[in-house]
Amino acid sequence: MQITKLVDEIGDDVFAFALVAAKSFDGAREIFAKTFLDSDKITDSDIIFSAVRAAYPICREAECNDEAATLTGIELNGGQEAVLSEVLAKPQIMRMIIHMTYENDLTPKQIASVTGESERYIQGQLDELSPEMLAALDKYYKEICAKICADDSLKAYVVRAAQRGDKRPFEVREEAIPSHVWTKRQKLIVVIIAIVVTVLVCIVIPLSEAYRQMQKDLEGVSYTEVPTDEIFAYTTEAEPIKPQRGQ
């Protein structure tokens, strides 16, 4: 299949699979590029299955962000966020099994063929999921994946590289492939934090310091003792002005 059509048809599917596997946007871009730059492995007969099979070994070799608990830049509702967090908390192989089952609609037999594991192992991993998790995956997982899209700049970059026959090791280049965009909610949180920090630095902390200094200055001062003569020793009456001669 012509590379442009191939990327247009299944680009988002491959990117979603790569992102769930790597839990990293940079990692997902690299997996995406390497998969399509070797697109001869993707056949028309079962395009999704062959694309996942081509991407799987690259995903296993890619660097994974083990600390990621969500996917920044993707706006999800409460139920979707909860399901995604639970999926991302699982080992990489399990994340990919879940994705291939609930997004790509592959059978345990097909997943076994992709992963090299036994069909019994694949089915056993799925059977360990709780009934509540299975119901949530049925309800939300496809909705989550529908919101994961490869950037048009990434698709164009890969298409141009494939057309030039450039299959050198892919490197993430920020000028060619922009990073993910922050959501409105994240921007709002950052603005609120900035306002709070500004208030603390410019108002609260100076006032607090001034109050502490005032308390320090007032320490030892008594308002009940009568002032001594020593206090008045520094005050004198003004001398009368002498008239000038001739006035």
Foldseek 3Di string as FASTA:
>chain_A
DQLLVLCVPCVLVQLLLLCLLAVDNQRSLLLSLLLSLPVVQQDPPLRSLSSLLSSVVSSVVTHHDLPDQARFQFDDDPLLSVLSSVLSPDHSLLNNLLCCCLAVVDQLVSSCVSPVHDSVVSVVSVVPDDPVSVVSSNVHVNVRSVRRGADPLSSVVSSVCSVVSNNPRDDDDCVRGPDRDGDPVVVVVVVVVVVVVCCCVPPVVVVVVVVVVVVVVCPPDDPPDDDDVVVVVVDDDDDDDDDDPPD
